[in-house]
Amino acid sequence: MSEAMTQQSQPPTDDSPPPTHDSRPRISRAAKWSIYPAIGAWLMPGVLTLLGVLCDWLGLDSAGETEFGAAIVFAWVVMWAVLSMVAALLALIGMVRIIASRLVVKGLKEAVVSLIAVALLAILVLPAVKMTRGLGKAWRLNANLRQLHGALRLYAAGFDGRYPTPEKWCDLLIEHAHIPPEILRSPFDKAGPCSYGLNPHADANSPDNMIVLIETDAGWNQHGTRELAGVRESAWILENGGRVHCYYLKRKSAIWEVDPNE
């Protein structure tokens, strides 16, 4: 009995290990996650470069100079802007939390790095962003030329497959196809009234890849062949099949007339 009381009077010995506490510093998840969209934003220029190489390999026109290329550039800019804004927003949220915790929460370096990366990338891609300002004009030009293609086909349907007389083609399209005169002027041309020249050798039965309209100096009822391009290195063209693209005078060969011997 006395031994039992003696044992009870002694302080209990705790041989169990002391409770363990996680000594690792807390890291702001927002600051940590901001690195990933920042890395994605930095990879976007490489993606655009690869798309440009792919377009050249497939024989397509360079990015930004056709409807397809303009769509690529526009989608790239949108994706870059979204990734950059997400990275900047997460970094700012992380910095606010870190500062509010009096630097108990870690991750300030990650947030600062993300903000610097986004800022530097914005400076580097600014020319590409400026290029997108002309995408709306390129799409309107593309739509105008396609509308002119439909007007030429409509005129040819009523005149035995012949396109308008070259010396009066603008007037005849307005008279018979009822096109608005505004579509005869390129969105890139402020002079007007017409920014295109008609190939006099083309008609509705010509090959699909024959040039029908080509971008030229402002005038009215312009017509001709290669001389219409002047000193330009490239010009927008409408082919007889309805395709609109940028024609490189030095890199590509064009069909202006059908060889009668073929």
C-alpha atoms as a PDB file:
ATOM      1  CA  MET A   1       0.000   0.000   0.000  1.00  0.00           C
ATOM      2  CA  SER A   2       2.824   2.376   0.956  1.00  0.00           C
ATOM      3  CA  GLU A   3       4.716   1.498  -2.179  1.00  0.00           C
ATOM      4  CA  ALA A   4       1.683   2.282  -4.250  1.00  0.00           C
ATOM      5  CA  MET A   5       1.280   5.663  -2.548  1.00  0.00           C
ATOM      6  CA  THR A   6       4.970   6.387  -3.040  1.00  0.00           C
ATOM      7  CA  GLN A   7       4.661   5.656  -6.713  1.00  0.00           C
ATOM      8  CA  GLN A   8       1.645   7.947  -6.983  1.00  0.00           C
ATOM      9  CA  SER A   9       3.440  10.781  -5.191  1.00  0.00           C
ATOM     10  CA  GLN A  10       6.321  10.734  -7.621  1.00  0.00           C
ATOM     11  CA  PRO A  11       5.911  12.979 -10.646  1.00  0.00           C
ATOM     12  CA  PRO A  12       5.089  11.034 -13.763  1.00  0.00           C
ATOM     13  CA  THR A  13       7.888  10.615 -16.214  1.00  0.00           C
ATOM     14  CA  ASP A  14       6.984  11.272 -19.805  1.00  0.00           C
ATOM     15  CA  ASP A  15       9.232   9.233 -22.055  1.00  0.00           C
ATOM     16  CA  SER A  16       7.177  10.122 -25.160  1.00  0.00           C
ATOM     17  CA  PRO A  17       8.930  12.435 -27.653  1.00  0.00           C
ATOM     18  CA  PRO A  18       7.985  16.083 -27.453  1.00  0.00           C
ATOM     19  CA  PRO A  19       5.365  17.246 -29.952  1.00  0.00           C
ATOM     20  CA  THR A  20       6.887  18.147 -33.242  1.00  0.00           C
ATOM     21  CA  HIS A  21       6.115  21.479 -34.895  1.00  0.00           C
ATOM     22  CA  ASP A  22       6.582  22.183 -38.591  1.00  0.00           C
ATOM     23  CA  SER A  23       9.468  24.636 -38.575  1.00  0.00           C
ATOM     24  CA  ARG A  24       9.309  25.272 -42.308  1.00  0.00           C
ATOM     25  CA  PRO A  25       8.360  28.849 -43.176  1.00  0.00           C
ATOM     26  CA  ARG A  26       4.982  29.420 -44.736  1.00  0.00           C
ATOM     27  CA  ILE A  27       5.127  30.464 -48.406  1.00  0.00           C
ATOM     28  CA  SER A  28       2.459  32.490 -50.104  1.00  0.00           C
ATOM     29  CA  ARG A  29       0.760  30.254 -52.631  1.00  0.00           C
ATOM     30  CA  ALA A  30      -0.189  33.214 -54.816  1.00  0.00           C
ATOM     31  CA  ALA A  31       3.435  34.361 -54.998  1.00  0.00           C
ATOM     32  CA  LYS A  32       4.592  30.823 -55.718  1.00  0.00           C
ATOM     33  CA  TRP A  33       2.006  30.192 -58.419  1.00  0.00           C
ATOM     34  CA  SER A  34       2.706  33.524 -60.118  1.00  0.00           C
ATOM     35  CA  ILE A  35       5.926  32.018 -61.494  1.00  0.00           C
ATOM     36  CA  TYR A  36       4.067  29.581 -63.769  1.00  0.00           C
ATOM     37  CA  PRO A  37       2.003  32.045 -65.853  1.00  0.00           C
ATOM     38  CA  ALA A  38       5.072  34.297 -66.024  1.00  0.00           C
ATOM     39  CA  ILE A  39       7.061  31.422 -67.532  1.00  0.00           C
ATOM     40  CA  GLY A  40       4.183  30.753 -69.936  1.00  0.00           C
ATOM     41  CA  ALA A  41       4.161  34.394 -71.016  1.00  0.00           C
ATOM     42  CA  TRP A  42       7.896  34.215 -71.731  1.00  0.00           C
ATOM     43  CA  LEU A  43       7.366  31.111 -73.869  1.00  0.00           C
ATOM     44  CA  MET A  44       4.768  32.818 -76.077  1.00  0.00           C
ATOM     45  CA  PRO A  45       7.300  34.618 -78.350  1.00  0.00           C
ATOM     46  CA  GLY A  46       8.909  31.255 -79.051  1.00  0.00           C
ATOM     47  CA  VAL A  47       5.512  29.810 -79.921  1.00  0.00           C
ATOM     48  CA  LEU A  48       4.886  32.655 -82.370  1.00  0.00           C
ATOM     49  CA  THR A  49       8.296  32.083 -83.952  1.00  0.00           C
ATOM     50  CA  LEU A  50       7.577  28.381 -84.405  1.00  0.00           C
ATOM     51  CA  LEU A  51       4.210  29.208 -85.969  1.00  0.00           C
ATOM     52  CA  GLY A  52       5.934  31.569 -88.393  1.00  0.00           C
ATOM     53  CA  VAL A  53       8.414  28.859 -89.366  1.00  0.00           C
ATOM     54  CA  LEU A  54       5.539  26.417 -89.810  1.00  0.00           C
ATOM     55  CA  CYS A  55       3.661  28.879 -92.043  1.00  0.00           C
ATOM     56  CA  ASP A  56       6.729  29.313 -94.252  1.00  0.00           C
ATOM     57  CA  TRP A  57       7.261  25.545 -94.411  1.00  0.00           C
ATOM     58  CA  LEU A  58       3.628  24.988 -95.437  1.00  0.00           C
ATOM     59  CA  GLY A  59       3.864  27.728 -98.042  1.00  0.00           C
ATOM     60  CA  LEU A  60       1.529  30.086 -96.210  1.00  0.00           C
ATOM     61  CA  ASP A  61       2.107  33.812 -96.004  1.00  0.00           C
ATOM     62  CA  SER A  62       3.910  35.361 -93.081  1.00  0.00           C
ATOM     63  CA  ALA A  63       2.051  36.083 -89.882  1.00  0.00           C
ATOM     64  CA  GLY A  64       0.236  39.395 -89.808  1.00  0.00           C
ATOM     65  CA  GLU A  65      -0.041  39.710 -93.611  1.00  0.00           C
ATOM     66  CA  THR A  66      -2.990  37.439 -94.311  1.00  0.00           C
ATOM     67  CA  GLU A  67      -6.243  36.699 -92.562  1.00  0.00           C
ATOM     68  CA  PHE A  68      -4.742  33.456 -91.236  1.00  0.00           C
ATOM     69  CA  GLY A  69      -1.551  35.127 -90.081  1.00  0.00           C
ATOM     70  CA  ALA A  70      -3.444  38.027 -88.532  1.00  0.00           C
ATOM     71  CA  ALA A  71      -5.583  35.592 -86.565  1.00  0.00           C
ATOM     72  CA  ILE A  72      -2.435  33.866 -85.285  1.00  0.00           C
ATOM     73  CA  VAL A  73      -0.910  37.127 -84.100  1.00  0.00           C
ATOM     74  CA  PHE A  74      -4.160  38.250 -82.501  1.00  0.00           C
ATOM     75  CA  ALA A  75      -4.591  34.947 -80.639  1.00  0.00           C
ATOM     76  CA  TRP A  76      -0.953  35.101 -79.509  1.00  0.00           C
ATOM     77  CA  VAL A  77      -1.349  38.632 -78.153  1.00  0.00           C
ATOM     78  CA  VAL A  78      -4.538  37.669 -76.288  1.00  0.00           C
ATOM     79  CA  MET A  79      -2.879  34.615 -74.713  1.00  0.00           C
ATOM     80  CA  TRP A  80       0.203  36.614 -73.777  1.00  0.00           C
ATOM     81  CA  ALA A  81      -1.921  39.353 -72.213  1.00  0.00           C
ATOM     82  CA  VAL A  82      -3.961  36.846 -70.191  1.00  0.00           C
ATOM     83  CA  LEU A  83      -0.884  35.027 -68.876  1.00  0.00           C
ATOM     84  CA  SER A  84       0.839  38.288 -68.022  1.00  0.00           C
ATOM     85  CA  MET A  85      -2.184  39.668 -66.166  1.00  0.00           C
ATOM     86  CA  VAL A  86      -2.636  36.429 -64.216  1.00  0.00           C
ATOM     87  CA  ALA A  87       1.047  36.407 -63.232  1.00  0.00           C
ATOM     88  CA  ALA A  88       0.978  40.068 -62.185  1.00  0.00           C
ATOM     89  CA  LEU A  89      -2.270  39.641 -60.228  1.00  0.00           C
ATOM     90  CA  LEU A  90      -1.011  36.593 -58.318  1.00  0.00           C
ATOM     91  CA  ALA A  91       2.277  38.323 -57.593  1.00  0.00           C
ATOM     92  CA  LEU A  92       0.505  41.409 -56.222  1.00  0.00           C
ATOM     93  CA  ILE A  93      -1.833  39.304 -54.073  1.00  0.00           C
ATOM     94  CA  GLY A  94       1.162  37.410 -52.712  1.00  0.00           C
ATOM     95  CA  MET A  95       3.056  40.613 -51.931  1.00  0.00           C
ATOM     96  CA  VAL A  96       0.078  42.092 -50.081  1.00  0.00           C
ATOM     97  CA  ARG A  97      -0.234  38.991 -47.918  1.00  0.00           C
ATOM     98  CA  ILE A  98       3.504  38.852 -47.254  1.00  0.00           C
ATOM     99  CA  ILE A  99       3.677  42.500 -46.238  1.00  0.00           C
ATOM    100  CA  ALA A 100       0.549  42.161 -44.073  1.00  0.00           C
ATOM    101  CA  SER A 101       2.179  39.264 -42.207  1.00  0.00           C
ATOM    102  CA  ARG A 102       5.279  41.416 -41.584  1.00  0.00           C
ATOM    103  CA  LEU A 103       7.378  39.056 -43.703  1.00  0.00           C
ATOM    104  CA  VAL A 104       6.397  36.001 -41.655  1.00  0.00           C
ATOM    105  CA  VAL A 105       4.957  34.521 -44.835  1.00  0.00           C
ATOM    106  CA  LYS A 106       7.672  33.936 -47.391  1.00  0.00           C
ATOM    107  CA  GLY A 107       7.612  34.224 -51.168  1.00  0.00           C
ATOM    108  CA  LEU A 108       8.499  37.862 -51.663  1.00  0.00           C
ATOM    109  CA  LYS A 109      11.347  36.952 -54.030  1.00  0.00           C
ATOM    110  CA  GLU A 110       9.049  34.883 -56.236  1.00  0.00           C
ATOM    111  CA  ALA A 111       6.506  37.703 -56.439  1.00  0.00           C
ATOM    112  CA  VAL A 112       9.147  40.308 -57.315  1.00  0.00           C
ATOM    113  CA  VAL A 113      10.697  38.036 -59.952  1.00  0.00           C
ATOM    114  CA  SER A 114       7.295  37.476 -61.557  1.00  0.00           C
ATOM    115  CA  LEU A 115       6.557  41.194 -61.698  1.00  0.00           C
ATOM    116  CA  ILE A 116       9.973  41.980 -63.190  1.00  0.00           C
ATOM    117  CA  ALA A 117       9.593  39.186 -65.763  1.00  0.00           C
ATOM    118  CA  VAL A 118       6.177  40.462 -66.863  1.00  0.00           C
ATOM    119  CA  ALA A 119       7.427  44.057 -67.067  1.00  0.00           C
ATOM    120  CA  LEU A 120      10.473  43.128 -69.161  1.00  0.00           C
ATOM    121  CA  LEU A 121       8.383  40.976 -71.491  1.00  0.00           C
ATOM    122  CA  ALA A 122       5.894  43.800 -71.970  1.00  0.00           C
ATOM    123  CA  ILE A 123       8.736  46.039 -73.144  1.00  0.00           C
ATOM    124  CA  LEU A 124      10.083  43.374 -75.511  1.00  0.00           C
ATOM    125  CA  VAL A 125       6.763  42.498 -77.170  1.00  0.00           C
ATOM    126  CA  LEU A 126       5.494  46.063 -77.459  1.00  0.00           C
ATOM    127  CA  PRO A 127       6.233  46.136 -81.237  1.00  0.00           C
ATOM    128  CA  ALA A 128       4.122  43.002 -81.713  1.00  0.00           C
ATOM    129  CA  VAL A 129       1.276  44.559 -79.747  1.00  0.00           C
ATOM    130  CA  LYS A 130       1.472  47.665 -81.929  1.00  0.00           C
ATOM    131  CA  MET A 131       1.301  45.432 -84.986  1.00  0.00           C
ATOM    132  CA  THR A 132      -2.120  44.204 -83.911  1.00  0.00           C
ATOM    133  CA  ARG A 133      -3.502  47.696 -84.462  1.00  0.00           C
ATOM    134  CA  GLY A 134      -3.406  46.975 -88.185  1.00  0.00           C
ATOM    135  CA  LEU A 135      -5.220  43.648 -87.884  1.00  0.00           C
ATOM    136  CA  GLY A 136      -8.630  45.296 -88.081  1.00  0.00           C
ATOM    137  CA  LYS A 137      -7.614  47.067 -91.275  1.00  0.00           C
ATOM    138  CA  ALA A 138      -6.242  43.829 -92.730  1.00  0.00           C
ATOM    139  CA  TRP A 139      -9.509  42.024 -92.037  1.00  0.00           C
ATOM    140  CA  ARG A 140     -11.559  44.844 -93.581  1.00  0.00           C
ATOM    141  CA  LEU A 141      -9.305  44.815 -96.656  1.00  0.00           C
ATOM    142  CA  ASN A 142      -9.753  41.059 -96.925  1.00  0.00           C
ATOM    143  CA  ALA A 143     -13.527  41.406 -96.632  1.00  0.00           C
ATOM    144  CA  ASN A 144     -13.619  44.220 -99.195  1.00  0.00           C
ATOM    145  CA  LEU A 145     -11.677  42.224-101.778  1.00  0.00           C
ATOM    146  CA  ARG A 146     -13.898  39.203-101.247  1.00  0.00           C
ATOM    147  CA  GLN A 147     -16.918  41.432-101.756  1.00  0.00           C
ATOM    148  CA  LEU A 148     -15.354  42.742-104.962  1.00  0.00           C
ATOM    149  CA  HIS A 149     -14.820  39.152-106.062  1.00  0.00           C
ATOM    150  CA  GLY A 150     -18.519  38.490-105.589  1.00  0.00           C
ATOM    151  CA  ALA A 151     -19.364  41.656-107.528  1.00  0.00           C
ATOM    152  CA  LEU A 152     -17.109  40.627-110.425  1.00  0.00           C
ATOM    153  CA  ARG A 153     -18.756  37.202-110.533  1.00  0.00           C
ATOM    154  CA  LEU A 154     -22.191  38.787-110.456  1.00  0.00           C
ATOM    155  CA  TYR A 155     -21.275  41.082-113.332  1.00  0.00           C
ATOM    156  CA  ALA A 156     -19.758  38.192-115.329  1.00  0.00           C
ATOM    157  CA  ALA A 157     -22.940  36.154-114.901  1.00  0.00           C
ATOM    158  CA  GLY A 158     -24.840  38.765-116.869  1.00  0.00           C
ATOM    159  CA  PHE A 159     -22.182  39.387-119.540  1.00  0.00           C
ATOM    160  CA  ASP A 160     -21.227  35.917-120.806  1.00  0.00           C
ATOM    161  CA  GLY A 161     -18.460  35.360-118.274  1.00  0.00           C
ATOM    162  CA  ARG A 162     -16.658  38.613-119.041  1.00  0.00           C
ATOM    163  CA  TYR A 163     -15.452  40.969-116.361  1.00  0.00           C
ATOM    164  CA  PRO A 164     -16.108  44.719-116.714  1.00  0.00           C
ATOM    165  CA  THR A 165     -14.320  46.720-119.393  1.00  0.00           C
ATOM    166  CA  PRO A 166     -10.932  47.616-117.858  1.00  0.00           C
ATOM    167  CA  GLU A 167     -11.238  51.306-118.721  1.00  0.00           C
ATOM    168  CA  LYS A 168     -14.559  51.561-116.803  1.00  0.00           C
ATOM    169  CA  TRP A 169     -14.493  48.656-114.375  1.00  0.00           C
ATOM    170  CA  CYS A 170     -15.065  50.723-111.222  1.00  0.00           C
ATOM    171  CA  ASP A 171     -18.050  52.543-112.712  1.00  0.00           C
ATOM    172  CA  LEU A 172     -19.539  49.362-114.151  1.00  0.00           C
ATOM    173  CA  LEU A 173     -19.317  47.473-110.869  1.00  0.00           C
ATOM    174  CA  ILE A 174     -21.053  50.316-109.058  1.00  0.00           C
ATOM    175  CA  GLU A 175     -23.725  50.485-111.774  1.00  0.00           C
ATOM    176  CA  HIS A 176     -24.441  46.790-112.309  1.00  0.00           C
ATOM    177  CA  ALA A 177     -23.319  45.085-109.097  1.00  0.00           C
ATOM    178  CA  HIS A 178     -24.434  47.970-106.848  1.00  0.00           C
ATOM    179  CA  ILE A 179     -21.330  47.920-104.692  1.00  0.00           C
ATOM    180  CA  PRO A 180     -20.652  50.782-102.273  1.00  0.00           C
ATOM    181  CA  PRO A 181     -17.749  52.895-103.593  1.00  0.00           C
ATOM    182  CA  GLU A 182     -16.071  52.713-100.180  1.00  0.00           C
ATOM    183  CA  ILE A 183     -14.951  49.101-100.655  1.00  0.00           C
ATOM    184  CA  LEU A 184     -12.836  50.158-103.648  1.00  0.00           C
ATOM    185  CA  ARG A 185     -10.499  51.973-101.273  1.00  0.00           C
ATOM    186  CA  SER A 186      -8.066  50.023 -99.110  1.00  0.00           C
ATOM    187  CA  PRO A 187      -8.314  50.642 -95.346  1.00  0.00           C
ATOM    188  CA  PHE A 188      -4.572  51.346 -95.488  1.00  0.00           C
ATOM    189  CA  ASP A 189      -5.012  53.979 -98.215  1.00  0.00           C
ATOM    190  CA  LYS A 190      -6.172  57.418 -97.104  1.00  0.00           C
ATOM    191  CA  ALA A 191      -5.987  58.955-100.562  1.00  0.00           C
ATOM    192  CA  GLY A 192      -8.616  56.947-102.443  1.00  0.00           C
ATOM    193  CA  PRO A 193     -10.910  56.746-104.304  1.00  0.00           C
ATOM    194  CA  CYS A 194      -9.780  53.295-105.571  1.00  0.00           C
ATOM    195  CA  SER A 195      -6.736  51.375-104.376  1.00  0.00           C
ATOM    196  CA  TYR A 196      -6.811  48.442-106.804  1.00  0.00           C
ATOM    197  CA  GLY A 197      -6.093  47.752-110.444  1.00  0.00           C
ATOM    198  CA  LEU A 198      -7.883  45.238-112.679  1.00  0.00           C
ATOM    199  CA  ASN A 199      -6.050  42.644-114.740  1.00  0.00           C
ATOM    200  CA  PRO A 200      -7.501  43.073-118.266  1.00  0.00           C
ATOM    201  CA  HIS A 201      -6.632  39.478-119.181  1.00  0.00           C
ATOM    202  CA  ALA A 202      -8.831  37.921-116.479  1.00  0.00           C
ATOM    203  CA  ASP A 203     -12.387  36.720-116.854  1.00  0.00           C
ATOM    204  CA  ALA A 204     -14.677  34.319-115.025  1.00  0.00           C
ATOM    205  CA  ASN A 205     -13.221  31.306-116.882  1.00  0.00           C
ATOM    206  CA  SER A 206      -9.592  32.116-116.079  1.00  0.00           C
ATOM    207  CA  PRO A 207      -7.582  29.814-113.760  1.00  0.00           C
ATOM    208  CA  ASP A 208      -8.334  30.196-110.087  1.00  0.00           C
ATOM    209  CA  ASN A 209      -4.789  31.386-109.324  1.00  0.00           C
ATOM    210  CA  MET A 210      -4.805  34.158-111.931  1.00  0.00           C
ATOM    211  CA  ILE A 211      -4.553  37.647-110.456  1.00  0.00           C
ATOM    212  CA  VAL A 212      -7.719  39.697-110.945  1.00  0.00           C
ATOM    213  CA  LEU A 213      -7.123  42.710-108.679  1.00  0.00           C
ATOM    214  CA  ILE A 214      -3.860  44.006-107.253  1.00  0.00           C
ATOM    215  CA  GLU A 215      -3.165  46.794-104.800  1.00  0.00           C
ATOM    216  CA  THR A 216      -1.802  49.875-106.538  1.00  0.00           C
ATOM    217  CA  ASP A 217      -1.605  53.653-106.180  1.00  0.00           C
ATOM    218  CA  ALA A 218      -4.818  55.585-105.655  1.00  0.00           C
ATOM    219  CA  GLY A 219      -6.797  56.331-108.779  1.00  0.00           C
ATOM    220  CA  TRP A 220      -9.921  55.278-110.660  1.00  0.00           C
ATOM    221  CA  ASN A 221     -10.443  52.499-113.202  1.00  0.00           C
ATOM    222  CA  GLN A 222      -6.753  51.511-113.001  1.00  0.00           C
ATOM    223  CA  HIS A 223      -5.910  48.447-115.051  1.00  0.00           C
ATOM    224  CA  GLY A 224      -2.801  46.628-116.185  1.00  0.00           C
ATOM    225  CA  THR A 225      -0.489  43.832-115.051  1.00  0.00           C
ATOM    226  CA  ARG A 226       2.877  43.859-113.294  1.00  0.00           C
ATOM    227  CA  GLU A 227       3.404  47.586-113.661  1.00  0.00           C
ATOM    228  CA  LEU A 228       0.496  48.237-111.291  1.00  0.00           C
ATOM    229  CA  ALA A 229       2.628  47.169-108.326  1.00  0.00           C
ATOM    230  CA  GLY A 230       5.173  49.910-109.070  1.00  0.00           C
ATOM    231  CA  VAL A 231       8.132  49.842-106.719  1.00  0.00           C
ATOM    232  CA  ARG A 232       6.316  47.893-104.026  1.00  0.00           C
ATOM    233  CA  GLU A 233       7.981  44.783-102.657  1.00  0.00           C
ATOM    234  CA  SER A 234       4.594  43.257-101.903  1.00  0.00           C
ATOM    235  CA  ALA A 235       0.949  44.019-102.596  1.00  0.00           C
ATOM    236  CA  TRP A 236      -2.448  42.612-101.694  1.00  0.00           C
ATOM    237  CA  ILE A 237      -4.024  40.660-104.526  1.00  0.00           C
ATOM    238  CA  LEU A 238      -7.320  38.964-105.332  1.00  0.00           C
ATOM    239  CA  GLU A 239      -7.067  35.741-107.313  1.00  0.00           C
ATOM    240  CA  ASN A 240      -9.799  34.564-109.645  1.00  0.00           C
ATOM    241  CA  GLY A 241     -10.746  31.755-107.278  1.00  0.00           C
ATOM    242  CA  GLY A 242     -11.461  34.250-104.514  1.00  0.00           C
ATOM    243  CA  ARG A 243      -8.258  33.882-102.519  1.00  0.00           C
ATOM    244  CA  VAL A 244      -6.903  37.087-100.954  1.00  0.00           C
ATOM    245  CA  HIS A 245      -3.284  37.240 -99.850  1.00  0.00           C
ATOM    246  CA  CYS A 246      -0.134  39.321 -99.880  1.00  0.00           C
ATOM    247  CA  TYR A 247       1.810  38.883-103.111  1.00  0.00           C
ATOM    248  CA  TYR A 248       5.603  39.073-102.841  1.00  0.00           C
ATOM    249  CA  LEU A 249       6.908  40.373-106.140  1.00  0.00           C
ATOM    250  CA  LYS A 250      10.427  38.970-105.698  1.00  0.00           C
ATOM    251  CA  ARG A 251       9.565  35.649-104.090  1.00  0.00           C
ATOM    252  CA  LYS A 252       6.545  34.402-106.002  1.00  0.00           C
ATOM    253  CA  SER A 253       5.488  34.092-109.594  1.00  0.00           C
ATOM    254  CA  ALA A 254       2.003  35.174-110.569  1.00  0.00           C
ATOM    255  CA  ILE A 255      -0.331  34.345-113.435  1.00  0.00           C
ATOM    256  CA  TRP A 256      -1.410  37.471-115.292  1.00  0.00           C
ATOM    257  CA  GLU A 257      -2.584  35.868-118.526  1.00  0.00           C
ATOM    258  CA  VAL A 258      -3.066  32.427-120.022  1.00  0.00           C
ATOM    259  CA  ASP A 259      -0.558  31.274-122.589  1.00  0.00           C
ATOM    260  CA  PRO A 260      -2.547  30.700-125.833  1.00  0.00           C
ATOM    261  CA  ASN A 261      -0.175  27.887-126.807  1.00  0.00           C
ATOM    262  CA  GLU A 262      -1.101  25.798-123.778  1.00  0.00           C
END
